[in-house]
Protein backbone atom coordinates (compact mmCIF):
# COMPACT_ATOMS: atom_id res chain seq x y z
CA UNK A 1 -60.56 126.59 48.30
CA UNK A 2 -58.32 125.99 51.86
CA UNK A 3 -59.22 123.17 53.97
CA UNK A 4 -59.89 125.77 56.88
CA UNK A 5 -63.42 126.73 54.65
CA UNK A 6 -66.09 124.68 55.73
CA UNK A 7 -70.45 125.70 55.29
CA UNK A 8 -73.15 124.97 57.37
CA UNK A 9 -77.04 125.25 55.61
CA UNK A 10 -80.79 125.32 57.42
CA UNK A 11 -83.92 125.60 56.15
CA UNK A 12 -83.15 129.07 54.71
CA UNK A 13 -80.97 127.61 52.02
CA UNK A 14 -83.80 125.88 50.07
CA UNK A 15 -86.40 128.03 51.18
CA UNK A 16 -85.13 130.64 48.09
CA UNK A 17 -86.37 126.93 45.52
CA UNK A 18 -90.06 126.92 47.25
CA UNK A 19 -89.72 124.95 50.19
CA UNK A 20 -91.45 126.83 53.72
CA UNK A 21 -89.42 127.46 56.29
CA UNK A 22 -89.26 125.33 60.22
CA UNK A 23 -91.67 128.32 60.70
CA UNK A 24 -94.25 127.62 57.74
CA UNK A 25 -94.55 123.79 58.29
CA UNK A 26 -97.19 123.94 60.97
CA UNK A 27 -99.43 125.19 57.80
CA UNK A 28 -98.62 122.04 56.44
CA UNK A 29 -98.78 119.48 58.92
CA UNK A 30 -102.23 121.40 60.83
CA UNK A 31 -104.47 120.98 57.82
CA UNK A 32 -103.34 117.35 57.20
CA UNK A 33 -106.35 114.98 56.24
CA UNK A 34 -105.62 112.49 58.51
CA UNK A 35 -105.62 115.50 61.47
CA UNK A 36 -109.41 115.99 60.54
CA UNK A 37 -110.45 113.94 62.64
CA UNK A 38 -108.11 114.45 65.26
CA UNK A 39 -110.03 117.92 66.46
CA UNK A 40 -108.03 116.88 69.69
CA UNK A 41 -104.57 117.54 67.90
CA UNK A 42 -105.28 120.75 66.13
CA UNK A 43 -106.65 122.33 69.34
CA UNK A 44 -103.16 121.16 70.92
CA UNK A 45 -101.38 123.42 67.32
CA UNK A 46 -103.50 125.64 67.23
CA UNK A 47 -102.26 126.28 71.42
CA UNK A 48 -98.56 126.03 70.07
CA UNK A 49 -97.53 126.48 66.01
CA UNK A 50 -93.98 125.48 67.15
CA UNK A 51 -95.53 122.32 65.42
CA UNK A 52 -91.72 119.86 66.24
CA UNK A 53 -93.07 120.34 69.91
CA UNK A 54 -96.82 119.13 69.97
CA UNK A 55 -94.91 116.56 67.44
CA UNK A 56 -92.80 115.61 70.03
CA UNK A 57 -95.29 116.10 73.06
CA UNK A 58 -97.96 113.75 71.07
CA UNK A 59 -95.03 110.86 69.94
CA UNK A 60 -93.79 110.51 73.58
CA UNK A 61 -96.90 111.15 75.62
CA UNK A 62 -100.35 110.58 76.66
CA UNK A 63 -102.48 109.87 74.07
CA UNK A 64 -103.28 106.65 72.14
CA UNK A 65 -101.85 104.48 69.09
CA UNK A 66 -104.39 105.76 66.75
CA UNK A 67 -103.49 109.62 67.98
CA UNK A 68 -100.32 109.15 67.59
CA UNK A 69 -99.93 107.83 64.36
CA UNK A 70 -102.38 110.35 62.99
CA UNK A 71 -99.66 113.08 63.57
CA UNK A 72 -96.63 111.04 62.62
CA UNK A 73 -98.98 110.24 59.29
CA UNK A 74 -99.40 114.08 59.07
CA UNK A 75 -95.59 115.76 59.43
CA UNK A 76 -94.47 112.69 57.83
CA UNK A 77 -97.41 114.07 54.53
CA UNK A 78 -95.76 117.46 55.27
CA UNK A 79 -92.27 116.83 54.63
CA UNK A 80 -93.22 114.33 51.91
CA UNK A 81 -95.20 118.03 50.31
CA UNK A 82 -92.01 119.24 50.93
CA UNK A 83 -89.92 116.94 48.72
CA UNK A 84 -92.89 117.17 46.04
CA UNK A 85 -91.95 121.19 46.05
CA UNK A 86 -88.21 120.80 45.65
CA UNK A 87 -88.00 118.26 42.80
CA UNK A 88 -90.34 120.46 41.24
CA UNK A 89 -88.73 123.55 41.48
CA UNK A 90 -86.58 124.11 38.62
CA UNK A 91 -83.79 125.82 40.76
CA UNK A 92 -82.31 127.64 37.16
CA UNK A 93 -85.57 129.61 36.72
CA UNK A 94 -85.43 130.77 40.37
CA UNK A 95 -80.82 131.17 41.07
CA UNK A 96 -77.87 130.66 38.69
CA UNK A 97 -77.51 127.20 39.57
CA UNK A 98 -74.32 126.68 37.58
CA UNK A 99 -72.83 129.49 39.32
CA UNK A 100 -74.10 128.12 43.11
CA UNK A 101 -73.29 124.23 42.05
CA UNK A 102 -69.71 125.40 41.51
CA UNK A 103 -70.09 127.59 44.96
CA UNK A 104 -71.51 124.04 46.50
CA UNK A 105 -68.22 122.31 44.51
CA UNK A 106 -66.11 124.39 45.92
CA UNK A 107 -66.17 123.27 49.76
CA UNK A 108 -64.53 120.26 48.25
CA UNK A 109 -61.22 119.14 49.47
CA UNK A 110 -57.53 117.59 48.46
CA UNK A 111 -56.06 114.00 49.60
CA UNK A 112 -55.30 114.92 53.12
CA UNK A 113 -57.13 118.30 53.37
CA UNK A 114 -61.32 116.36 53.68
CA UNK A 115 -64.02 118.94 52.91
CA UNK A 116 -66.86 119.05 54.31
CA UNK A 117 -70.65 120.07 53.79
CA UNK A 118 -73.06 120.01 57.20
CA UNK A 119 -76.64 120.56 56.89
CA UNK A 120 -79.58 121.14 59.05
CA UNK A 121 -81.79 120.17 56.80
CA UNK A 122 -84.31 116.77 55.70
CA UNK A 123 -85.11 117.64 52.31
CA UNK A 124 -83.27 116.56 49.12
CA UNK A 125 -82.14 119.47 47.76
CA UNK A 126 -78.35 119.05 47.24
CA UNK A 127 -79.34 115.05 46.01
CA UNK A 128 -81.87 115.84 43.51
CA UNK A 129 -80.69 119.19 42.27
CA UNK A 130 -76.62 119.49 42.60
CA UNK A 131 -75.42 117.80 39.06
CA UNK A 132 -72.71 119.98 37.90
CA UNK A 133 -69.70 119.07 40.31
CA UNK A 134 -67.66 116.75 42.70
CA UNK A 135 -70.53 114.91 44.50
CA UNK A 136 -69.33 114.57 47.88
CA UNK A 137 -70.35 111.05 49.46
CA UNK A 138 -72.38 110.50 52.57
CA UNK A 139 -70.68 108.27 55.30
CA UNK A 140 -73.11 105.27 55.79
CA UNK A 141 -75.61 105.56 52.58
CA UNK A 142 -74.93 104.14 50.03
CA UNK A 143 -73.89 106.50 46.67
CA UNK A 144 -76.49 104.78 44.40
CA UNK A 145 -78.66 105.35 46.71
CA UNK A 146 -77.88 109.28 47.39
CA UNK A 147 -77.61 110.97 44.17
CA UNK A 148 -80.59 111.07 41.68
CA UNK A 149 -78.92 112.48 38.51
CA UNK A 150 -81.08 113.94 36.08
CA UNK A 151 -83.25 110.74 35.51
CA UNK A 152 -84.21 111.11 38.55
CA UNK A 153 -84.53 114.58 39.50
CA UNK A 154 -87.99 115.74 39.32
CA UNK A 155 -89.99 111.54 40.13
CA UNK A 156 -91.37 111.19 42.94
CA UNK A 157 -90.24 109.40 46.18
CA UNK A 158 -91.04 105.41 45.34
CA UNK A 159 -91.11 102.96 48.51
CA UNK A 160 -87.45 101.68 46.85
CA UNK A 161 -86.13 105.39 47.42
CA UNK A 162 -86.54 104.97 51.28
CA UNK A 163 -83.80 104.29 53.34
CA UNK A 164 -82.93 102.28 56.73
CA UNK A 165 -79.65 104.07 58.35
CA UNK A 166 -76.95 101.26 59.23
CA UNK A 167 -77.13 100.13 63.05
CA UNK A 168 -74.33 100.56 65.41
CA UNK A 169 -72.21 97.90 64.54
CA UNK A 170 -72.09 99.45 60.60
CA UNK A 171 -71.20 102.49 61.89
CA UNK A 172 -68.48 101.29 63.43
CA UNK A 173 -67.38 99.72 60.18
CA UNK A 174 -67.71 103.01 58.18
CA UNK A 175 -65.47 104.99 61.05
CA UNK A 176 -63.19 102.81 59.88
CA UNK A 177 -63.83 103.35 56.10
CA UNK A 178 -63.92 107.03 56.57
CA UNK A 179 -60.45 107.91 56.60
CA UNK A 180 -60.31 106.01 52.72
CA UNK A 181 -61.97 108.67 51.38
CA UNK A 182 -60.62 112.17 52.18
CA UNK A 183 -61.31 115.16 49.70
CA UNK A 184 -65.78 115.65 50.33
CA UNK A 185 -68.23 114.67 53.35
CA UNK A 186 -72.11 115.51 53.09
CA UNK A 187 -73.18 114.88 56.50
CA UNK A 188 -76.67 115.32 57.62
CA UNK A 189 -76.97 116.72 61.14
CA UNK A 190 -80.61 115.78 61.45
CA UNK A 191 -81.42 112.44 59.04
CA UNK A 192 -83.41 113.00 55.67
CA UNK A 193 -86.47 112.04 54.61
CA UNK A 194 -85.82 109.05 52.92
CA UNK A 195 -84.22 107.52 55.62
CA UNK A 196 -86.04 105.47 57.80
CA UNK A 197 -84.42 103.86 61.70
CA UNK A 198 -83.30 99.95 61.70
CA UNK A 199 -87.40 99.17 62.67
CA UNK A 200 -88.50 100.90 59.73
CA UNK A 201 -89.75 104.18 61.90
CA UNK A 202 -88.81 107.72 59.73
CA UNK A 203 -85.38 108.53 60.17
CA UNK A 204 -85.56 112.77 61.18
CA UNK A 205 -84.91 114.26 63.59
CA UNK A 206 -87.51 116.29 65.51
CA UNK A 207 -88.68 118.31 68.50
CA UNK A 208 -87.68 119.49 71.75
CA UNK A 209 -85.61 116.51 72.55
CA UNK A 210 -83.00 116.79 69.50
CA UNK A 211 -79.91 115.95 71.31
CA UNK A 212 -81.66 112.96 72.62
CA UNK A 213 -82.76 112.05 69.24
CA UNK A 214 -79.69 112.36 67.48
CA UNK A 215 -77.78 110.68 71.01
CA UNK A 216 -80.21 107.14 70.14
CA UNK A 217 -78.90 107.04 66.39
CA UNK A 218 -75.68 105.58 65.80
CA UNK A 219 -74.33 107.40 62.79
CA UNK A 220 -76.62 110.45 63.69
CA UNK A 221 -74.75 110.82 67.17
CA UNK A 222 -70.97 110.16 64.81
CA UNK A 223 -72.11 112.88 62.28
CA UNK A 224 -72.59 115.11 65.58
CA UNK A 225 -69.29 113.81 66.78
CA UNK A 226 -67.65 114.88 63.61
CA UNK A 227 -69.49 117.75 63.40
CA UNK A 228 -67.73 118.87 67.15
CA UNK A 229 -64.22 117.72 66.10
CA UNK A 230 -64.50 119.69 62.25
CA UNK A 231 -65.31 122.87 64.39
CA UNK A 232 -63.44 122.42 66.79
CA UNK A 233 -59.87 122.43 64.19
CA UNK A 234 -57.41 125.53 64.50
CA UNK A 235 -58.24 128.38 61.66
CA UNK A 236 -61.65 127.06 61.00
CA UNK A 237 -63.96 129.78 59.09
CA UNK A 238 -67.31 128.71 59.18
CA UNK A 239 -70.26 130.02 56.46
CA UNK A 240 -73.81 129.24 57.66
CA UNK A 241 -76.61 129.85 54.66
CA UNK A 242 -79.82 129.99 56.43
CA UNK A 243 -79.44 129.10 59.67
CA UNK A 244 -81.33 131.23 62.10
CA UNK A 245 -79.77 129.73 65.33
CA UNK A 246 -83.15 127.80 66.70
CA UNK A 247 -81.41 125.15 67.38
CA UNK A 248 -79.52 125.22 71.11
CA UNK A 249 -77.82 121.91 70.66
CA UNK A 250 -76.30 123.48 67.22
CA UNK A 251 -75.24 127.19 69.02
CA UNK A 252 -73.69 124.67 71.93
CA UNK A 253 -71.20 123.36 69.09
CA UNK A 254 -70.33 126.20 67.52
CA UNK A 255 -70.39 128.58 70.57
CA UNK A 256 -67.55 125.89 72.07
CA UNK A 257 -65.30 126.26 68.65
CA UNK A 258 -65.30 129.24 69.18
CA UNK A 259 -63.98 130.16 73.22
CA UNK A 260 -61.91 126.12 72.37
CA UNK A 261 -60.04 127.04 68.73
CA UNK A 262 -60.92 131.13 67.61
CA UNK A 263 -64.04 129.42 65.77
CA UNK A 264 -65.10 132.32 63.08
CA UNK A 265 -68.06 132.14 61.33
CA UNK A 266 -69.93 134.43 57.95
CA UNK A 267 -74.25 134.69 58.02
CA UNK A 268 -76.24 134.49 55.19
CA UNK A 269 -79.68 135.98 55.48
CA UNK A 270 -81.46 137.97 54.54
CA UNK A 271 -83.20 138.97 57.98
CA UNK A 272 -81.86 142.09 59.11
CA UNK A 273 -78.60 142.35 61.20
CA UNK A 274 -80.36 143.33 64.64
CA UNK A 275 -82.89 140.38 63.99
CA UNK A 276 -80.36 137.92 63.63
CA UNK A 277 -78.30 140.05 66.82
CA UNK A 278 -81.62 139.11 68.55
CA UNK A 279 -82.20 135.43 67.70
CA UNK A 280 -78.66 134.61 68.22
CA UNK A 281 -78.93 136.00 71.86
CA UNK A 282 -82.56 134.29 72.90
CA UNK A 283 -80.08 131.29 72.98
CA UNK A 284 -79.29 132.31 76.30
CA UNK A 285 -75.91 130.39 77.33
CA UNK A 286 -74.80 130.79 74.16
CA UNK A 287 -76.39 134.21 72.35
CA UNK A 288 -73.04 136.49 73.84
CA UNK A 289 -70.51 133.67 72.24
CA UNK A 290 -72.08 132.97 69.52
CA UNK A 291 -72.31 137.01 68.65
CA UNK A 292 -68.14 137.05 69.50
CA UNK A 293 -67.92 134.44 66.78
CA UNK A 294 -70.32 136.21 63.58
CA UNK A 295 -67.12 137.58 61.76
CA UNK A 296 -69.77 138.95 59.21
CA UNK A 297 -73.31 139.63 58.16
CA UNK A 298 -74.38 139.36 54.20
CA UNK A 299 -78.06 139.71 54.11
CA UNK A 300 -79.01 138.51 50.97
CA UNK A 301 -80.87 135.44 49.94
CA UNK A 302 -79.37 133.11 47.19
CA UNK A 303 -81.64 134.40 44.80
CA UNK A 304 -80.17 137.39 44.80
CA UNK A 305 -76.48 136.50 45.22
CA UNK A 306 -77.13 134.33 42.29
CA UNK A 307 -80.12 136.10 39.86
CA UNK A 308 -80.63 133.41 37.65
CA UNK A 309 -78.44 134.26 34.57
CA UNK A 310 -77.56 131.71 32.46
CA UNK A 311 -74.64 130.85 30.99
CA UNK A 312 -73.04 133.18 33.51
CA UNK A 313 -69.49 131.08 35.61
CA UNK A 314 -69.04 131.91 38.79
CA UNK A 315 -66.14 133.65 38.48
CA UNK A 316 -68.04 136.54 36.61
CA UNK A 317 -71.03 137.13 38.85
CA UNK A 318 -71.19 140.71 39.69
CA UNK A 319 -74.25 140.78 42.28
CA UNK A 320 -73.97 143.24 45.17
CA UNK A 321 -74.66 139.69 47.93
CA UNK A 322 -71.85 137.38 45.96
CA UNK A 323 -69.14 140.78 46.02
CA UNK A 324 -69.60 141.01 49.96
CA UNK A 325 -69.70 137.01 50.98
CA UNK A 326 -66.42 137.11 48.66
CA UNK A 327 -64.91 139.76 50.19
CA UNK A 328 -65.67 138.50 53.95
CA UNK A 329 -64.75 134.52 53.60
CA UNK A 330 -63.71 133.31 50.47
CA UNK A 331 -60.53 136.13 50.08
CA UNK A 332 -59.46 135.70 53.59
CA UNK A 333 -55.99 134.35 53.83
CA UNK A 334 -55.55 130.67 55.39
């Protein structure tokens, strides 16, 4: 693949394998056992179905330490539940994972032409189930702590699976070393289910002030700098799968690249095109620019693009969704 093509994935990607969308996570948090004795928190959640905003307001607001601990545990428990779904999902029964792995591997670069996969997801789908392609580097995280391999892909997370992210000094060293790995990079822009801050607290970007949360964490701040830098390179074409354009800080980076360098993107999302455009317009600052940058909409799920056909390699996939995606993204000239 050309170095100009990039991939950004959101919650709709792993929804193909049973994981809940952001809008569905409310149910997993609200029903948590740890909240049963906290009616004030449950009432707050009933009044606001955006669990991330509730999480932010409780953990940063005028609530007791006990209430804050309960909210944190309810949310972290919901993400552990999501990981249980992902690890037991048996993806090859839901989609052609042979073709899907080849599709993901096609974003790998070559020496001097680095390839990128960016994700807004905190789940471990790729770490557990991406088995048959070139494994990208997750900068700042030791490779043996990332890829679970066949023997561990379906095992629950244990205490030693939780990773402390590097501090400011260590991130500076990793920045200098990245130039030595110039083929394939995987960046989790919002952190990961199994990451911990140097303090030992969970490291995931949630809530109303995601931009501020990213800026406060050296590793994620570096990741966002890379995201911005790469999107602003000339002649980039971005493939977006399963992202609903709800994060203003992500929209702003994409919009800036559209204006600055003419970035174009293709969206894979099963929603009707009108609904997708309305989602973009909801961002009053960037919506009009995002619309101009959309080169194509592929209105299919990954399961429809890569139906579960064993032993069918990527080149032989014959679904309508793949034909459209191939025409509008992969076959575009450099």
